[in-house]
Amino acid sequence: MKHKVCSWSELVSQGKVRVLVNERPILVVAHTNQAYAISDKCPHKGMPLSPGKCEGGIIRCKEHGLQVDVTTGMVVPSPKAKFLVPNSDQQTVKIFKTSIANGDVYIEV
């Protein structure tokens, strides 16, 4: 089911927004003129990803620095990732399909 989560202009101006859909926290990010949506939960300790810094489509967890690619949901390989999430090469954060219509961003949950 599609859910309207914000306007495209709001997302572009803020870079990222945290929304609740069916009581599920989701992080929506503007990157390369597209919207991406991932579960707002770090695979390391379950902390929210939304307070972290997002650059180049990579969100960095504010708590321990784990990096997640918002386009794929995959943990970015690094020595730190191997330490924080031993199976980080297989670890993903749930992603959600997004669309933009009439100036609004929608996600499918």
N, C-alpha and C. Protein backbone atom coordinates (compact mmCIF):
# COMPACT_ATOMS: atom_id res chain seq x y z
N MET A 1 0.83 -1.18 0.00
CA MET A 1 0.00 0.00 0.00
C MET A 1 0.88 1.25 0.00
N LYS A 2 0.55 2.22 -0.84
CA LYS A 2 1.30 3.48 -0.92
C LYS A 2 0.86 4.43 0.17
N HIS A 3 1.86 5.14 0.73
CA HIS A 3 1.61 6.14 1.76
C HIS A 3 2.33 7.42 1.39
N LYS A 4 1.60 8.53 1.40
CA LYS A 4 2.22 9.84 1.19
C LYS A 4 2.98 10.18 2.47
N VAL A 5 4.28 10.52 2.32
CA VAL A 5 5.08 10.76 3.52
C VAL A 5 5.56 12.20 3.67
N CYS A 6 5.73 12.91 2.54
CA CYS A 6 6.14 14.31 2.61
C CYS A 6 6.11 14.88 1.20
N SER A 7 6.34 16.17 1.11
CA SER A 7 6.44 16.77 -0.22
C SER A 7 7.88 16.61 -0.70
N TRP A 8 8.05 16.58 -2.02
CA TRP A 8 9.39 16.47 -2.59
C TRP A 8 10.22 17.70 -2.21
N SER A 9 9.62 18.89 -2.22
CA SER A 9 10.37 20.10 -1.88
C SER A 9 10.85 20.07 -0.42
N GLU A 10 10.03 19.56 0.47
CA GLU A 10 10.43 19.43 1.88
C GLU A 10 11.62 18.46 2.00
N LEU A 11 11.54 17.34 1.31
CA LEU A 11 12.60 16.34 1.38
C LEU A 11 13.90 16.91 0.81
N VAL A 12 13.83 17.60 -0.31
CA VAL A 12 15.03 18.18 -0.92
C VAL A 12 15.64 19.22 0.02
N SER A 13 14.81 20.07 0.60
CA SER A 13 15.35 21.13 1.46
C SER A 13 15.96 20.58 2.75
N GLN A 14 15.40 19.50 3.28
CA GLN A 14 15.92 18.92 4.52
C GLN A 14 16.95 17.82 4.27
N GLY A 15 16.93 17.23 3.10
CA GLY A 15 17.85 16.15 2.78
C GLY A 15 17.38 14.79 3.22
N LYS A 16 16.72 14.74 4.38
CA LYS A 16 16.18 13.50 4.91
C LYS A 16 15.06 13.82 5.88
N VAL A 17 14.10 12.93 5.97
CA VAL A 17 13.02 13.07 6.94
C VAL A 17 12.73 11.70 7.55
N ARG A 18 12.35 11.72 8.81
CA ARG A 18 11.93 10.49 9.49
C ARG A 18 10.42 10.52 9.55
N VAL A 19 9.79 9.42 9.17
CA VAL A 19 8.34 9.32 9.18
C VAL A 19 7.94 8.03 9.89
N LEU A 20 6.71 8.00 10.33
CA LEU A 20 6.13 6.78 10.89
C LEU A 20 5.03 6.31 9.95
N VAL A 21 5.13 5.09 9.49
CA VAL A 21 4.09 4.49 8.66
C VAL A 21 3.67 3.20 9.33
N ASN A 22 2.40 3.13 9.70
CA ASN A 22 1.89 1.97 10.44
C ASN A 22 2.75 1.71 11.68
N GLU A 23 3.12 2.80 12.37
CA GLU A 23 3.94 2.76 13.58
C GLU A 23 5.36 2.25 13.34
N ARG A 24 5.78 2.22 12.09
CA ARG A 24 7.13 1.78 11.72
C ARG A 24 7.96 3.00 11.37
N PRO A 25 9.10 3.23 12.07
CA PRO A 25 9.95 4.38 11.73
C PRO A 25 10.72 4.12 10.44
N ILE A 26 10.63 5.08 9.52
CA ILE A 26 11.26 4.97 8.21
C ILE A 26 12.01 6.26 7.92
N LEU A 27 13.21 6.12 7.39
CA LEU A 27 14.03 7.25 7.00
C LEU A 27 13.91 7.43 5.49
N VAL A 28 13.52 8.62 5.07
CA VAL A 28 13.39 8.93 3.65
C VAL A 28 14.48 9.95 3.31
N VAL A 29 15.25 9.66 2.25
CA VAL A 29 16.41 10.48 1.90
C VAL A 29 16.31 10.91 0.44
N ALA A 30 16.67 12.17 0.18
CA ALA A 30 16.79 12.67 -1.19
C ALA A 30 18.23 12.46 -1.63
N HIS A 31 18.41 11.77 -2.75
CA HIS A 31 19.76 11.52 -3.28
C HIS A 31 19.65 11.37 -4.79
N THR A 32 20.48 12.09 -5.52
CA THR A 32 20.52 12.08 -6.99
C THR A 32 19.14 12.25 -7.62
N ASN A 33 18.40 13.24 -7.13
CA ASN A 33 17.06 13.55 -7.64
C ASN A 33 16.06 12.41 -7.51
N GLN A 34 16.28 11.54 -6.54
CA GLN A 34 15.34 10.46 -6.25
C GLN A 34 15.13 10.39 -4.75
N ALA A 35 14.05 9.74 -4.36
CA ALA A 35 13.77 9.49 -2.95
C ALA A 35 14.06 8.03 -2.65
N TYR A 36 14.72 7.80 -1.53
CA TYR A 36 15.01 6.44 -1.06
C TYR A 36 14.47 6.32 0.35
N ALA A 37 13.97 5.14 0.69
CA ALA A 37 13.41 4.92 2.02
C ALA A 37 13.97 3.63 2.60
N ILE A 38 14.44 3.73 3.84
CA ILE A 38 14.96 2.56 4.55
C ILE A 38 14.41 2.55 5.96
N SER A 39 14.44 1.39 6.58
CA SER A 39 14.05 1.28 7.98
C SER A 39 14.98 2.17 8.80
N ASP A 40 14.42 2.91 9.73
CA ASP A 40 15.21 3.82 10.57
C ASP A 40 15.76 3.05 11.77
N LYS A 41 16.56 2.03 11.48
CA LYS A 41 17.09 1.17 12.53
C LYS A 41 18.46 0.64 12.12
N CYS A 42 19.47 1.01 12.87
CA CYS A 42 20.84 0.56 12.58
C CYS A 42 20.96 -0.93 12.87
N PRO A 43 21.61 -1.69 11.98
CA PRO A 43 21.75 -3.13 12.20
C PRO A 43 22.72 -3.49 13.32
N HIS A 44 23.46 -2.51 13.82
CA HIS A 44 24.42 -2.80 14.90
C HIS A 44 23.71 -2.97 16.25
N LYS A 45 23.04 -1.93 16.72
CA LYS A 45 22.37 -1.99 18.02
C LYS A 45 20.91 -1.55 17.96
N GLY A 46 20.39 -1.32 16.75
CA GLY A 46 18.99 -0.96 16.61
C GLY A 46 18.68 0.50 16.87
N MET A 47 19.72 1.33 17.01
CA MET A 47 19.50 2.75 17.23
C MET A 47 18.97 3.38 15.94
N PRO A 48 18.26 4.52 16.03
CA PRO A 48 17.76 5.16 14.81
C PRO A 48 18.91 5.72 13.97
N LEU A 49 18.78 5.56 12.66
CA LEU A 49 19.77 6.11 11.73
C LEU A 49 19.52 7.58 11.44
N SER A 50 18.27 8.03 11.59
CA SER A 50 17.88 9.38 11.18
C SER A 50 18.70 10.52 11.79
N PRO A 51 19.19 10.43 13.03
CA PRO A 51 20.00 11.55 13.54
C PRO A 51 21.38 11.64 12.91
N GLY A 52 21.79 10.62 12.18
CA GLY A 52 23.12 10.59 11.58
C GLY A 52 23.25 11.50 10.37
N LYS A 53 24.49 11.68 9.97
CA LYS A 53 24.80 12.52 8.81
C LYS A 53 24.67 11.68 7.54
N CYS A 54 24.05 12.28 6.52
CA CYS A 54 23.87 11.59 5.24
C CYS A 54 24.58 12.38 4.15
N GLU A 55 25.53 11.72 3.48
CA GLU A 55 26.26 12.34 2.38
C GLU A 55 26.46 11.31 1.28
N GLY A 56 26.20 11.73 0.05
CA GLY A 56 26.44 10.85 -1.08
C GLY A 56 25.66 9.55 -1.04
N GLY A 57 24.49 9.58 -0.43
CA GLY A 57 23.67 8.37 -0.36
C GLY A 57 24.07 7.41 0.74
N ILE A 58 24.96 7.84 1.62
CA ILE A 58 25.41 7.01 2.74
C ILE A 58 25.00 7.69 4.04
N ILE A 59 24.25 6.97 4.87
CA ILE A 59 23.88 7.48 6.19
C ILE A 59 24.83 6.86 7.21
N ARG A 60 25.35 7.70 8.08
CA ARG A 60 26.28 7.24 9.12
C ARG A 60 25.55 7.28 10.47
N CYS A 61 25.45 6.14 11.11
CA CYS A 61 24.79 6.07 12.42
C CYS A 61 25.52 6.98 13.40
N LYS A 62 24.78 7.84 14.06
CA LYS A 62 25.36 8.80 14.98
C LYS A 62 25.96 8.12 16.21
N GLU A 63 25.46 6.96 16.59
CA GLU A 63 25.92 6.30 17.81
C GLU A 63 27.31 5.67 17.68
N HIS A 64 27.53 4.89 16.63
CA HIS A 64 28.79 4.15 16.52
C HIS A 64 29.47 4.30 15.16
N GLY A 65 28.88 5.08 14.25
CA GLY A 65 29.54 5.38 12.98
C GLY A 65 29.35 4.35 11.88
N LEU A 66 28.51 3.35 12.09
CA LEU A 66 28.27 2.37 11.03
C LEU A 66 27.62 3.09 9.84
N GLN A 67 28.03 2.75 8.63
CA GLN A 67 27.51 3.40 7.43
C GLN A 67 26.62 2.45 6.65
N VAL A 68 25.50 2.99 6.17
CA VAL A 68 24.54 2.22 5.39
C VAL A 68 24.23 2.98 4.10
N ASP A 69 24.26 2.25 2.99
CA ASP A 69 23.92 2.82 1.68
C ASP A 69 22.39 2.89 1.59
N VAL A 70 21.84 4.09 1.45
CA VAL A 70 20.38 4.25 1.42
C VAL A 70 19.76 3.72 0.14
N THR A 71 20.57 3.55 -0.91
CA THR A 71 20.02 3.06 -2.17
C THR A 71 19.84 1.55 -2.18
N THR A 72 20.63 0.85 -1.37
CA THR A 72 20.57 -0.62 -1.34
C THR A 72 20.22 -1.20 0.03
N GLY A 73 20.41 -0.41 1.08
CA GLY A 73 20.21 -0.91 2.44
C GLY A 73 21.40 -1.70 2.96
N MET A 74 22.46 -1.81 2.16
CA MET A 74 23.62 -2.60 2.56
C MET A 74 24.56 -1.79 3.46
N VAL A 75 25.15 -2.48 4.45
CA VAL A 75 26.19 -1.88 5.27
C VAL A 75 27.40 -1.65 4.37
N VAL A 76 28.00 -0.47 4.47
CA VAL A 76 29.18 -0.15 3.67
C VAL A 76 30.38 -0.91 4.26
N PRO A 77 31.06 -1.72 3.44
CA PRO A 77 32.18 -2.50 3.94
C PRO A 77 33.30 -1.60 4.47
N SER A 78 33.79 -1.94 5.66
CA SER A 78 34.91 -1.23 6.27
C SER A 78 35.40 -2.07 7.44
N PRO A 79 36.62 -1.80 7.92
CA PRO A 79 37.08 -2.52 9.11
C PRO A 79 36.15 -2.30 10.30
N LYS A 80 35.63 -1.08 10.44
CA LYS A 80 34.72 -0.77 11.55
C LYS A 80 33.43 -1.60 11.41
N ALA A 81 32.93 -1.72 10.18
CA ALA A 81 31.72 -2.50 9.96
C ALA A 81 31.94 -3.96 10.33
N LYS A 82 33.11 -4.50 9.97
CA LYS A 82 33.42 -5.89 10.31
C LYS A 82 33.43 -6.10 11.81
N PHE A 83 33.86 -5.08 12.56
CA PHE A 83 33.89 -5.16 14.02
C PHE A 83 32.49 -5.02 14.61
N LEU A 84 31.73 -4.02 14.12
CA LEU A 84 30.40 -3.74 14.69
C LEU A 84 29.36 -4.78 14.29
N VAL A 85 29.42 -5.22 13.04
CA VAL A 85 28.47 -6.20 12.50
C VAL A 85 29.30 -7.26 11.78
N PRO A 86 29.70 -8.32 12.48
CA PRO A 86 30.62 -9.31 11.89
C PRO A 86 30.22 -9.81 10.51
N ASN A 87 28.93 -9.95 10.22
CA ASN A 87 28.48 -10.40 8.91
C ASN A 87 28.00 -9.22 8.07
N SER A 88 28.71 -8.10 8.15
CA SER A 88 28.25 -6.87 7.50
C SER A 88 28.17 -7.00 5.98
N ASP A 89 28.94 -7.93 5.39
CA ASP A 89 28.85 -8.08 3.94
C ASP A 89 27.51 -8.67 3.51
N GLN A 90 26.77 -9.23 4.46
CA GLN A 90 25.46 -9.78 4.17
C GLN A 90 24.35 -9.01 4.87
N GLN A 91 24.72 -8.04 5.70
CA GLN A 91 23.74 -7.32 6.52
C GLN A 91 23.08 -6.20 5.73
N THR A 92 21.79 -6.13 5.80
CA THR A 92 21.06 -5.06 5.14
C THR A 92 20.04 -4.44 6.07
N VAL A 93 19.64 -3.25 5.72
CA VAL A 93 18.54 -2.55 6.36
C VAL A 93 17.39 -2.62 5.35
N LYS A 94 16.20 -2.88 5.83
CA LYS A 94 15.05 -3.00 4.94
C LYS A 94 14.86 -1.72 4.14
N ILE A 95 14.66 -1.89 2.83
CA ILE A 95 14.38 -0.75 1.97
C ILE A 95 12.92 -0.81 1.52
N PHE A 96 12.39 0.34 1.15
CA PHE A 96 11.01 0.44 0.70
C PHE A 96 10.98 1.14 -0.66
N LYS A 97 10.09 0.68 -1.51
CA LYS A 97 9.93 1.29 -2.83
C LYS A 97 9.34 2.69 -2.66
N THR A 98 9.89 3.64 -3.42
CA THR A 98 9.41 5.02 -3.35
C THR A 98 8.96 5.49 -4.72
N SER A 99 8.14 6.52 -4.72
CA SER A 99 7.74 7.17 -5.97
C SER A 99 7.45 8.64 -5.66
N ILE A 100 7.52 9.45 -6.70
CA ILE A 100 7.22 10.87 -6.58
C ILE A 100 6.13 11.18 -7.59
N ALA A 101 5.04 11.75 -7.10
CA ALA A 101 3.92 12.10 -7.98
C ALA A 101 3.30 13.41 -7.51
N ASN A 102 3.07 14.29 -8.44
CA ASN A 102 2.43 15.59 -8.14
C ASN A 102 3.12 16.33 -7.00
N GLY A 103 4.45 16.23 -6.95
CA GLY A 103 5.20 16.96 -5.95
C GLY A 103 5.24 16.32 -4.58
N ASP A 104 4.73 15.10 -4.44
CA ASP A 104 4.72 14.42 -3.15
C ASP A 104 5.50 13.11 -3.24
N VAL A 105 6.06 12.69 -2.11
CA VAL A 105 6.82 11.45 -2.02
C VAL A 105 5.94 10.39 -1.38
N TYR A 106 5.93 9.22 -2.00
CA TYR A 106 5.16 8.08 -1.52
C TYR A 106 6.09 6.90 -1.28
N ILE A 107 5.77 6.09 -0.29
CA ILE A 107 6.50 4.84 -0.08
C ILE A 107 5.49 3.70 0.00
N GLU A 108 5.95 2.54 -0.38
CA GLU A 108 5.11 1.34 -0.30
C GLU A 108 5.56 0.51 0.89
N VAL A 109 4.61 0.22 1.77
CA VAL A 109 4.88 -0.59 2.95
C VAL A 109 3.98 -1.79 2.95
